[in-house]
Amino acid sequence: MHCEDTNCPFHGNIVIRGNTTEGRVVSARMDKTVVIEKEYLHFIPKYKRYERRRRRLSVHAPPCLDLRVGDEIIAAETRPISKTVSFVAVGKRGQ
């Protein structure tokens, strides 16, 4: 499916650079933007244990990927698209 989005990494003219990250879509309410959440473990030296932490990230969602809440996605860094969006979704995990 061909999309008309200029910020699509496949059909538009956005350049992917820098980091890639993986996460789970927790919100898809915005137009062409999803919020992903990445869980990781942080070590606490004093107690010699790990604690769970979460990081939320706004990601541009091209219409051709059809992202929904619960999808595991891969996001790549781009130039800033808006005030909070500097990543674009490049694919779903497991597909």
PDB file of N, CA and C in Angstrom:
ATOM      1  N   MET A   1       0.840  -1.180   0.000  1.00  0.00           N
ATOM      2  CA  MET A   1       0.000   0.000   0.000  1.00  0.00           C
ATOM      3  C   MET A   1       0.885   1.244   0.000  1.00  0.00           C
ATOM      4  N   HIS A   2       0.644   2.132  -0.920  1.00  0.00           N
ATOM      5  CA  HIS A   2       1.421   3.362  -1.048  1.00  0.00           C
ATOM      6  C   HIS A   2       0.720   4.482  -0.293  1.00  0.00           C
ATOM      7  N   CYS A   3       1.462   5.184   0.562  1.00  0.00           N
ATOM      8  CA  CYS A   3       0.855   6.287   1.321  1.00  0.00           C
ATOM      9  C   CYS A   3       1.394   7.616   0.807  1.00  0.00           C
ATOM     10  N   GLU A   4       0.658   8.671   1.082  1.00  0.00           N
ATOM     11  CA  GLU A   4       1.016  10.013   0.615  1.00  0.00           C
ATOM     12  C   GLU A   4       1.714  10.828   1.707  1.00  0.00           C
ATOM     13  N   ASP A   5       2.153  10.171   2.782  1.00  0.00           N
ATOM     14  CA  ASP A   5       2.775  10.853   3.914  1.00  0.00           C
ATOM     15  C   ASP A   5       4.208  11.244   3.566  1.00  0.00           C
ATOM     16  N   THR A   6       4.541  12.535   3.695  1.00  0.00           N
ATOM     17  CA  THR A   6       5.902  12.987   3.382  1.00  0.00           C
ATOM     18  C   THR A   6       6.903  12.552   4.439  1.00  0.00           C
ATOM     19  N   ASN A   7       6.425  12.197   5.646  1.00  0.00           N
ATOM     20  CA  ASN A   7       7.311  11.739   6.711  1.00  0.00           C
ATOM     21  C   ASN A   7       7.360  10.220   6.827  1.00  0.00           C
ATOM     22  N   CYS A   8       6.950   9.512   5.795  1.00  0.00           N
ATOM     23  CA  CYS A   8       7.021   8.053   5.773  1.00  0.00           C
ATOM     24  C   CYS A   8       8.438   7.636   5.358  1.00  0.00           C
ATOM     25  N   PRO A   9       9.071   6.715   6.095  1.00  0.00           N
ATOM     26  CA  PRO A   9      10.435   6.321   5.727  1.00  0.00           C
ATOM     27  C   PRO A   9      10.494   5.497   4.436  1.00  0.00           C
ATOM     28  N   PHE A  10       9.368   4.970   3.975  1.00  0.00           N
ATOM     29  CA  PHE A  10       9.341   4.133   2.774  1.00  0.00           C
ATOM     30  C   PHE A  10       8.863   4.899   1.543  1.00  0.00           C
ATOM     31  N   HIS A  11       7.846   5.757   1.692  1.00  0.00           N
ATOM     32  CA  HIS A  11       7.240   6.444   0.555  1.00  0.00           C
ATOM     33  C   HIS A  11       7.461   7.951   0.568  1.00  0.00           C
ATOM     34  N   GLY A  12       8.043   8.483   1.636  1.00  0.00           N
ATOM     35  CA  GLY A  12       8.265   9.921   1.751  1.00  0.00           C
ATOM     36  C   GLY A  12       9.729  10.270   1.583  1.00  0.00           C
ATOM     37  N   ASN A  13      10.106  11.429   2.099  1.00  0.00           N
ATOM     38  CA  ASN A  13      11.491  11.886   1.929  1.00  0.00           C
ATOM     39  C   ASN A  13      12.154  12.159   3.270  1.00  0.00           C
ATOM     40  N   ILE A  14      11.843  11.381   4.299  1.00  0.00           N
ATOM     41  CA  ILE A  14      12.464  11.537   5.620  1.00  0.00           C
ATOM     42  C   ILE A  14      13.721  10.668   5.683  1.00  0.00           C
ATOM     43  N   VAL A  15      14.766  11.183   6.302  1.00  0.00           N
ATOM     44  CA  VAL A  15      16.025  10.458   6.409  1.00  0.00           C
ATOM     45  C   VAL A  15      16.142   9.858   7.808  1.00  0.00           C
ATOM     46  N   ILE A  16      16.442   8.576   7.866  1.00  0.00           N
ATOM     47  CA  ILE A  16      16.619   7.890   9.145  1.00  0.00           C
ATOM     48  C   ILE A  16      18.089   7.983   9.530  1.00  0.00           C
ATOM     49  N   ARG A  17      18.346   8.316  10.825  1.00  0.00           N
ATOM     50  CA  ARG A  17      19.717   8.442  11.307  1.00  0.00           C
ATOM     51  C   ARG A  17      19.729   8.114  12.787  1.00  0.00           C
ATOM     52  N   GLY A  18      20.882   7.843  13.321  1.00  0.00           N
ATOM     53  CA  GLY A  18      21.023   7.689  14.765  1.00  0.00           C
ATOM     54  C   GLY A  18      20.495   6.382  15.311  1.00  0.00           C
ATOM     55  N   ASN A  19      19.819   6.462  16.458  1.00  0.00           N
ATOM     56  CA  ASN A  19      19.422   5.283  17.223  1.00  0.00           C
ATOM     57  C   ASN A  19      18.165   4.618  16.689  1.00  0.00           C
ATOM     58  N   THR A  20      18.048   3.326  16.982  1.00  0.00           N
ATOM     59  CA  THR A  20      16.793   2.605  16.794  1.00  0.00           C
ATOM     60  C   THR A  20      16.386   2.050  18.154  1.00  0.00           C
ATOM     61  N   THR A  21      15.105   1.936  18.369  1.00  0.00           N
ATOM     62  CA  THR A  21      14.598   1.429  19.635  1.00  0.00           C
ATOM     63  C   THR A  21      13.352   0.594  19.380  1.00  0.00           C
ATOM     64  N   GLU A  22      13.024  -0.247  20.346  1.00  0.00           N
ATOM     65  CA  GLU A  22      11.836  -1.087  20.237  1.00  0.00           C
ATOM     66  C   GLU A  22      10.924  -0.778  21.404  1.00  0.00           C
ATOM     67  N   GLY A  23       9.625  -0.934  21.199  1.00  0.00           N
ATOM     68  CA  GLY A  23       8.674  -0.683  22.266  1.00  0.00           C
ATOM     69  C   GLY A  23       7.286  -1.154  21.898  1.00  0.00           C
ATOM     70  N   ARG A  24       6.383  -1.032  22.861  1.00  0.00           N
ATOM     71  CA  ARG A  24       5.005  -1.465  22.689  1.00  0.00           C
ATOM     72  C   ARG A  24       4.117  -0.232  22.599  1.00  0.00           C
ATOM     73  N   VAL A  25       3.191  -0.203  21.639  1.00  0.00           N
ATOM     74  CA  VAL A  25       2.290   0.929  21.459  1.00  0.00           C
ATOM     75  C   VAL A  25       1.291   0.940  22.610  1.00  0.00           C
ATOM     76  N   VAL A  26       1.238   2.057  23.340  1.00  0.00           N
ATOM     77  CA  VAL A  26       0.306   2.172  24.461  1.00  0.00           C
ATOM     78  C   VAL A  26      -0.791   3.199  24.183  1.00  0.00           C
ATOM     79  N   SER A  27      -0.621   4.056  23.177  1.00  0.00           N
ATOM     80  CA  SER A  27      -1.646   5.026  22.829  1.00  0.00           C
ATOM     81  C   SER A  27      -1.556   5.327  21.340  1.00  0.00           C
ATOM     82  N   ALA A  28      -2.721   5.346  20.680  1.00  0.00           N
ATOM     83  CA  ALA A  28      -2.769   5.665  19.253  1.00  0.00           C
ATOM     84  C   ALA A  28      -3.847   6.712  18.990  1.00  0.00           C
ATOM     85  N   ARG A  29      -4.042   7.635  19.911  1.00  0.00           N
ATOM     86  CA  ARG A  29      -5.124   8.609  19.802  1.00  0.00           C
ATOM     87  C   ARG A  29      -4.790   9.785  18.896  1.00  0.00           C
ATOM     88  N   MET A  30      -3.511  10.119  18.774  1.00  0.00           N
ATOM     89  CA  MET A  30      -3.130  11.279  17.972  1.00  0.00           C
ATOM     90  C   MET A  30      -3.166  10.948  16.489  1.00  0.00           C
ATOM     91  N   ASP A  31      -3.192  11.995  15.671  1.00  0.00           N
ATOM     92  CA  ASP A  31      -3.202  11.822  14.228  1.00  0.00           C
ATOM     93  C   ASP A  31      -1.782  11.549  13.740  1.00  0.00           C
ATOM     94  N   LYS A  32      -1.548  10.359  13.184  1.00  0.00           N
ATOM     95  CA  LYS A  32      -0.247   9.941  12.634  1.00  0.00           C
ATOM     96  C   LYS A  32       0.864   9.880  13.685  1.00  0.00           C
ATOM     97  N   THR A  33       0.513   9.773  14.953  1.00  0.00           N
ATOM     98  CA  THR A  33       1.498   9.666  16.028  1.00  0.00           C
ATOM     99  C   THR A  33       1.022   8.644  17.044  1.00  0.00           C
ATOM    100  N   VAL A  34       1.953   7.812  17.512  1.00  0.00           N
ATOM    101  CA  VAL A  34       1.650   6.851  18.573  1.00  0.00           C
ATOM    102  C   VAL A  34       2.636   7.063  19.710  1.00  0.00           C
ATOM    103  N   VAL A  35       2.249   6.607  20.903  1.00  0.00           N
ATOM    104  CA  VAL A  35       3.134   6.651  22.057  1.00  0.00           C
ATOM    105  C   VAL A  35       3.570   5.222  22.336  1.00  0.00           C
ATOM    106  N   ILE A  36       4.893   5.003  22.393  1.00  0.00           N
ATOM    107  CA  ILE A  36       5.398   3.671  22.722  1.00  0.00           C
ATOM    108  C   ILE A  36       6.008   3.705  24.117  1.00  0.00           C
ATOM    109  N   GLU A  37       6.028   2.554  24.755  1.00  0.00           N
ATOM    110  CA  GLU A  37       6.589   2.431  26.087  1.00  0.00           C
ATOM    111  C   GLU A  37       7.643   1.337  26.051  1.00  0.00           C
ATOM    112  N   LYS A  38       8.797   1.669  26.609  1.00  0.00           N
ATOM    113  CA  LYS A  38       9.919   0.744  26.633  1.00  0.00           C
ATOM    114  C   LYS A  38      10.250   0.446  28.088  1.00  0.00           C
ATOM    115  N   GLU A  39      10.221  -0.827  28.488  1.00  0.00           N
ATOM    116  CA  GLU A  39      10.551  -1.217  29.848  1.00  0.00           C
ATOM    117  C   GLU A  39      12.006  -1.685  29.897  1.00  0.00           C
ATOM    118  N   TYR A  40      12.690  -1.324  30.986  1.00  0.00           N
ATOM    119  CA  TYR A  40      14.080  -1.754  31.149  1.00  0.00           C
ATOM    120  C   TYR A  40      14.366  -1.916  32.634  1.00  0.00           C
ATOM    121  N   LEU A  41      15.460  -2.590  32.940  1.00  0.00           N
ATOM    122  CA  LEU A  41      15.867  -2.808  34.322  1.00  0.00           C
ATOM    123  C   LEU A  41      17.000  -1.856  34.683  1.00  0.00           C
ATOM    124  N   HIS A  42      16.927  -1.271  35.884  1.00  0.00           N
ATOM    125  CA  HIS A  42      17.957  -0.365  36.373  1.00  0.00           C
ATOM    126  C   HIS A  42      18.528  -0.944  37.664  1.00  0.00           C
ATOM    127  N   PHE A  43      19.841  -1.069  37.723  1.00  0.00           N
ATOM    128  CA  PHE A  43      20.500  -1.683  38.868  1.00  0.00           C
ATOM    129  C   PHE A  43      20.680  -0.660  39.997  1.00  0.00           C
ATOM    130  N   ILE A  44      20.333  -1.051  41.241  1.00  0.00           N
ATOM    131  CA  ILE A  44      20.530  -0.234  42.427  1.00  0.00           C
ATOM    132  C   ILE A  44      21.686  -0.838  43.221  1.00  0.00           C
ATOM    133  N   PRO A  45      22.874  -0.228  43.194  1.00  0.00           N
ATOM    134  CA  PRO A  45      24.055  -0.831  43.815  1.00  0.00           C
ATOM    135  C   PRO A  45      23.913  -1.055  45.324  1.00  0.00           C
ATOM    136  N   LYS A  46      23.260  -0.139  46.010  1.00  0.00           N
ATOM    137  CA  LYS A  46      23.145  -0.258  47.460  1.00  0.00           C
ATOM    138  C   LYS A  46      22.438  -1.545  47.874  1.00  0.00           C
ATOM    139  N   TYR A  47      21.388  -1.910  47.163  1.00  0.00           N
ATOM    140  CA  TYR A  47      20.605  -3.097  47.512  1.00  0.00           C
ATOM    141  C   TYR A  47      20.947  -4.308  46.644  1.00  0.00           C
ATOM    142  N   LYS A  48      21.836  -4.105  45.674  1.00  0.00           N
ATOM    143  CA  LYS A  48      22.252  -5.170  44.755  1.00  0.00           C
ATOM    144  C   LYS A  48      21.057  -5.849  44.087  1.00  0.00           C
ATOM    145  N   ARG A  49      20.131  -5.009  43.677  1.00  0.00           N
ATOM    146  CA  ARG A  49      18.922  -5.499  43.017  1.00  0.00           C
ATOM    147  C   ARG A  49      18.586  -4.585  41.839  1.00  0.00           C
ATOM    148  N   TYR A  50      17.667  -5.090  41.008  1.00  0.00           N
ATOM    149  CA  TYR A  50      17.197  -4.325  39.871  1.00  0.00           C
ATOM    150  C   TYR A  50      15.786  -3.803  40.142  1.00  0.00           C
ATOM    151  N   GLU A  51      15.471  -2.658  39.539  1.00  0.00           N
ATOM    152  CA  GLU A  51      14.100  -2.171  39.557  1.00  0.00           C
ATOM    153  C   GLU A  51      13.649  -1.955  38.120  1.00  0.00           C
ATOM    154  N   ARG A  52      12.353  -2.108  37.915  1.00  0.00           N
ATOM    155  CA  ARG A  52      11.793  -1.907  36.588  1.00  0.00           C
ATOM    156  C   ARG A  52      11.513  -0.432  36.365  1.00  0.00           C
ATOM    157  N   ARG A  53      11.896   0.074  35.205  1.00  0.00           N
ATOM    158  CA  ARG A  53      11.597   1.446  34.834  1.00  0.00           C
ATOM    159  C   ARG A  53      10.963   1.465  33.454  1.00  0.00           C
ATOM    160  N   ARG A  54      10.271   2.571  33.163  1.00  0.00           N
ATOM    161  CA  ARG A  54       9.604   2.711  31.870  1.00  0.00           C
ATOM    162  C   ARG A  54       9.971   4.050  31.247  1.00  0.00           C
ATOM    163  N   ARG A  55      10.038   4.066  29.942  1.00  0.00           N
ATOM    164  CA  ARG A  55      10.291   5.290  29.198  1.00  0.00           C
ATOM    165  C   ARG A  55       9.227   5.375  28.100  1.00  0.00           C
ATOM    166  N   ARG A  56       8.578   6.514  28.021  1.00  0.00           N
ATOM    167  CA  ARG A  56       7.578   6.736  26.969  1.00  0.00           C
ATOM    168  C   ARG A  56       8.155   7.650  25.898  1.00  0.00           C
ATOM    169  N   LEU A  57       7.788   7.382  24.652  1.00  0.00           N
ATOM    170  CA  LEU A  57       8.364   8.080  23.515  1.00  0.00           C
ATOM    171  C   LEU A  57       7.283   8.301  22.465  1.00  0.00           C
ATOM    172  N   SER A  58       7.169   9.518  21.951  1.00  0.00           N
ATOM    173  CA  SER A  58       6.229   9.800  20.864  1.00  0.00           C
ATOM    174  C   SER A  58       6.898   9.443  19.544  1.00  0.00           C
ATOM    175  N   VAL A  59       6.178   8.698  18.722  1.00  0.00           N
ATOM    176  CA  VAL A  59       6.724   8.183  17.463  1.00  0.00           C
ATOM    177  C   VAL A  59       5.752   8.491  16.331  1.00  0.00           C
ATOM    178  N   HIS A  60       6.288   8.983  15.208  1.00  0.00           N
ATOM    179  CA  HIS A  60       5.449   9.211  14.026  1.00  0.00           C
ATOM    180  C   HIS A  60       5.042   7.869  13.433  1.00  0.00           C
ATOM    181  N   ALA A  61       3.757   7.711  13.147  1.00  0.00           N
ATOM    182  CA  ALA A  61       3.227   6.445  12.622  1.00  0.00           C
ATOM    183  C   ALA A  61       2.710   6.657  11.203  1.00  0.00           C
ATOM    184  N   PRO A  62       3.441   6.201  10.187  1.00  0.00           N
ATOM    185  CA  PRO A  62       2.953   6.324   8.818  1.00  0.00           C
ATOM    186  C   PRO A  62       1.670   5.509   8.630  1.00  0.00           C
ATOM    187  N   PRO A  63       0.730   6.008   7.819  1.00  0.00           N
ATOM    188  CA  PRO A  63      -0.534   5.291   7.635  1.00  0.00           C
ATOM    189  C   PRO A  63      -0.362   3.902   7.020  1.00  0.00           C
ATOM    190  N   CYS A  64       0.714   3.676   6.279  1.00  0.00           N
ATOM    191  CA  CYS A  64       0.896   2.381   5.609  1.00  0.00           C
ATOM    192  C   CYS A  64       1.232   1.253   6.585  1.00  0.00           C
ATOM    193  N   LEU A  65       1.647   1.569   7.819  1.00  0.00           N
ATOM    194  CA  LEU A  65       1.960   0.531   8.802  1.00  0.00           C
ATOM    195  C   LEU A  65       0.748   0.087   9.605  1.00  0.00           C
ATOM    196  N   ASP A  66      -0.286   0.922   9.716  1.00  0.00           N
ATOM    197  CA  ASP A  66      -1.529   0.583  10.415  1.00  0.00           C
ATOM    198  C   ASP A  66      -1.255   0.080  11.836  1.00  0.00           C
ATOM    199  N   LEU A  67      -0.694   0.959  12.671  1.00  0.00           N
ATOM    200  CA  LEU A  67      -0.321   0.594  14.035  1.00  0.00           C
ATOM    201  C   LEU A  67      -1.504   0.698  14.976  1.00  0.00           C
ATOM    202  N   ARG A  68      -1.600  -0.273  15.903  1.00  0.00           N
ATOM    203  CA  ARG A  68      -2.673  -0.310  16.890  1.00  0.00           C
ATOM    204  C   ARG A  68      -2.073  -0.511  18.277  1.00  0.00           C
ATOM    205  N   VAL A  69      -2.860  -0.241  19.310  1.00  0.00           N
ATOM    206  CA  VAL A  69      -2.415  -0.418  20.694  1.00  0.00           C
ATOM    207  C   VAL A  69      -2.062  -1.890  20.911  1.00  0.00           C
ATOM    208  N   GLY A  70      -0.903  -2.124  21.505  1.00  0.00           N
ATOM    209  CA  GLY A  70      -0.437  -3.478  21.781  1.00  0.00           C
ATOM    210  C   GLY A  70       0.593  -3.994  20.792  1.00  0.00           C
ATOM    211  N   ASP A  71       0.769  -3.321  19.653  1.00  0.00           N
ATOM    212  CA  ASP A  71       1.764  -3.748  18.660  1.00  0.00           C
ATOM    213  C   ASP A  71       3.172  -3.500  19.183  1.00  0.00           C
ATOM    214  N   GLU A  72       4.068  -4.442  18.917  1.00  0.00           N
ATOM    215  CA  GLU A  72       5.497  -4.258  19.196  1.00  0.00           C
ATOM    216  C   GLU A  72       6.119  -3.675  17.925  1.00  0.00           C
ATOM    217  N   ILE A  73       6.761  -2.515  18.045  1.00  0.00           N
ATOM    218  CA  ILE A  73       7.297  -1.853  16.854  1.00  0.00           C
ATOM    219  C   ILE A  73       8.770  -1.518  17.016  1.00  0.00           C
ATOM    220  N   ILE A  74       9.397  -1.224  15.885  1.00  0.00           N
ATOM    221  CA  ILE A  74      10.767  -0.739  15.838  1.00  0.00           C
ATOM    222  C   ILE A  74      10.693   0.712  15.366  1.00  0.00           C
ATOM    223  N   ALA A  75      11.343   1.614  16.106  1.00  0.00           N
ATOM    224  CA  ALA A  75      11.347   3.037  15.767  1.00  0.00           C
ATOM    225  C   ALA A  75      12.774   3.496  15.525  1.00  0.00           C
ATOM    226  N   ALA A  76      12.947   4.369  14.551  1.00  0.00           N
ATOM    227  CA  ALA A  76      14.272   4.890  14.215  1.00  0.00           C
ATOM    228  C   ALA A  76      14.280   6.404  14.370  1.00  0.00           C
ATOM    229  N   GLU A  77      15.428   6.939  14.739  1.00  0.00           N
ATOM    230  CA  GLU A  77      15.564   8.378  14.970  1.00  0.00           C
ATOM    231  C   GLU A  77      15.629   9.129  13.644  1.00  0.00           C
ATOM    232  N   THR A  78      15.015  10.317  13.622  1.00  0.00           N
ATOM    233  CA  THR A  78      15.029  11.195  12.455  1.00  0.00           C
ATOM    234  C   THR A  78      15.261  12.626  12.927  1.00  0.00           C
ATOM    235  N   ARG A  79      15.174  13.549  11.998  1.00  0.00           N
ATOM    236  CA  ARG A  79      15.168  14.954  12.385  1.00  0.00           C
ATOM    237  C   ARG A  79      13.880  15.219  13.160  1.00  0.00           C
ATOM    238  N   PRO A  80      13.807  16.292  13.963  1.00  0.00           N
ATOM    239  CA  PRO A  80      12.564  16.580  14.682  1.00  0.00           C
ATOM    240  C   PRO A  80      11.404  16.843  13.715  1.00  0.00           C
ATOM    241  N   ILE A  81      10.321  16.085  13.892  1.00  0.00           N
ATOM    242  CA  ILE A  81       9.123  16.257  13.069  1.00  0.00           C
ATOM    243  C   ILE A  81       8.186  17.273  13.721  1.00  0.00           C
ATOM    244  N   SER A  82       8.140  17.265  15.049  1.00  0.00           N
ATOM    245  CA  SER A  82       7.367  18.251  15.800  1.00  0.00           C
ATOM    246  C   SER A  82       8.088  18.493  17.117  1.00  0.00           C
ATOM    247  N   LYS A  83       7.423  19.155  18.052  1.00  0.00           N
ATOM    248  CA  LYS A  83       8.054  19.484  19.330  1.00  0.00           C
ATOM    249  C   LYS A  83       8.480  18.239  20.097  1.00  0.00           C
ATOM    250  N   THR A  84       7.659  17.193  20.087  1.00  0.00           N
ATOM    251  CA  THR A  84       7.950  15.995  20.880  1.00  0.00           C
ATOM    252  C   THR A  84       8.316  14.780  20.043  1.00  0.00           C
ATOM    253  N   VAL A  85       8.184  14.839  18.722  1.00  0.00           N
ATOM    254  CA  VAL A  85       8.392  13.665  17.868  1.00  0.00           C
ATOM    255  C   VAL A  85       9.710  13.772  17.115  1.00  0.00           C
ATOM    256  N   SER A  86      10.647  12.844  17.421  1.00  0.00           N
ATOM    257  CA  SER A  86      11.913  12.768  16.695  1.00  0.00           C
ATOM    258  C   SER A  86      12.207  11.335  16.259  1.00  0.00           C
ATOM    259  N   PHE A  87      11.214  10.459  16.346  1.00  0.00           N
ATOM    260  CA  PHE A  87      11.345   9.071  15.920  1.00  0.00           C
ATOM    261  C   PHE A  87      10.224   8.739  14.956  1.00  0.00           C
ATOM    262  N   VAL A  88      10.480   7.779  14.071  1.00  0.00           N
ATOM    263  CA  VAL A  88       9.462   7.319  13.124  1.00  0.00           C
ATOM    264  C   VAL A  88       9.435   5.795  13.166  1.00  0.00           C
ATOM    265  N   ALA A  89       8.235   5.230  13.093  1.00  0.00           N
ATOM    266  CA  ALA A  89       8.084   3.773  13.099  1.00  0.00           C
ATOM    267  C   ALA A  89       8.533   3.216  11.753  1.00  0.00           C
ATOM    268  N   VAL A  90       9.383   2.177  11.794  1.00  0.00           N
ATOM    269  CA  VAL A  90       9.878   1.582  10.552  1.00  0.00           C
ATOM    270  C   VAL A  90       9.404   0.150  10.368  1.00  0.00           C
ATOM    271  N   GLY A  91       8.735  -0.420  11.363  1.00  0.00           N
ATOM    272  CA  GLY A  91       8.212  -1.772  11.183  1.00  0.00           C
ATOM    273  C   GLY A  91       7.640  -2.349  12.465  1.00  0.00           C
ATOM    274  N   LYS A  92       6.886  -3.449  12.289  1.00  0.00           N
ATOM    275  CA  LYS A  92       6.342  -4.175  13.422  1.00  0.00           C
ATOM    276  C   LYS A  92       7.240  -5.366  13.701  1.00  0.00           C
ATOM    277  N   ARG A  93       7.373  -5.741  14.980  1.00  0.00           N
ATOM    278  CA  ARG A  93       8.144  -6.928  15.328  1.00  0.00           C
ATOM    279  C   ARG A  93       7.303  -8.157  15.093  1.00  0.00           C
ATOM    280  N   GLY A  94       7.937  -9.194  14.575  1.00  0.00           N
ATOM    281  CA  GLY A  94       7.236 -10.438  14.339  1.00  0.00           C
ATOM    282  C   GLY A  94       6.518 -10.498  13.009  1.00  0.00           C
ATOM    283  N   GLN A  95       6.772  -9.532  12.130  1.00  0.00           N
ATOM    284  CA  GLN A  95       6.149  -9.574  10.806  1.00  0.00           C
ATOM    285  C   GLN A  95       7.177  -9.364   9.733  1.00  0.00           C
TER     286      GLN A  95
END
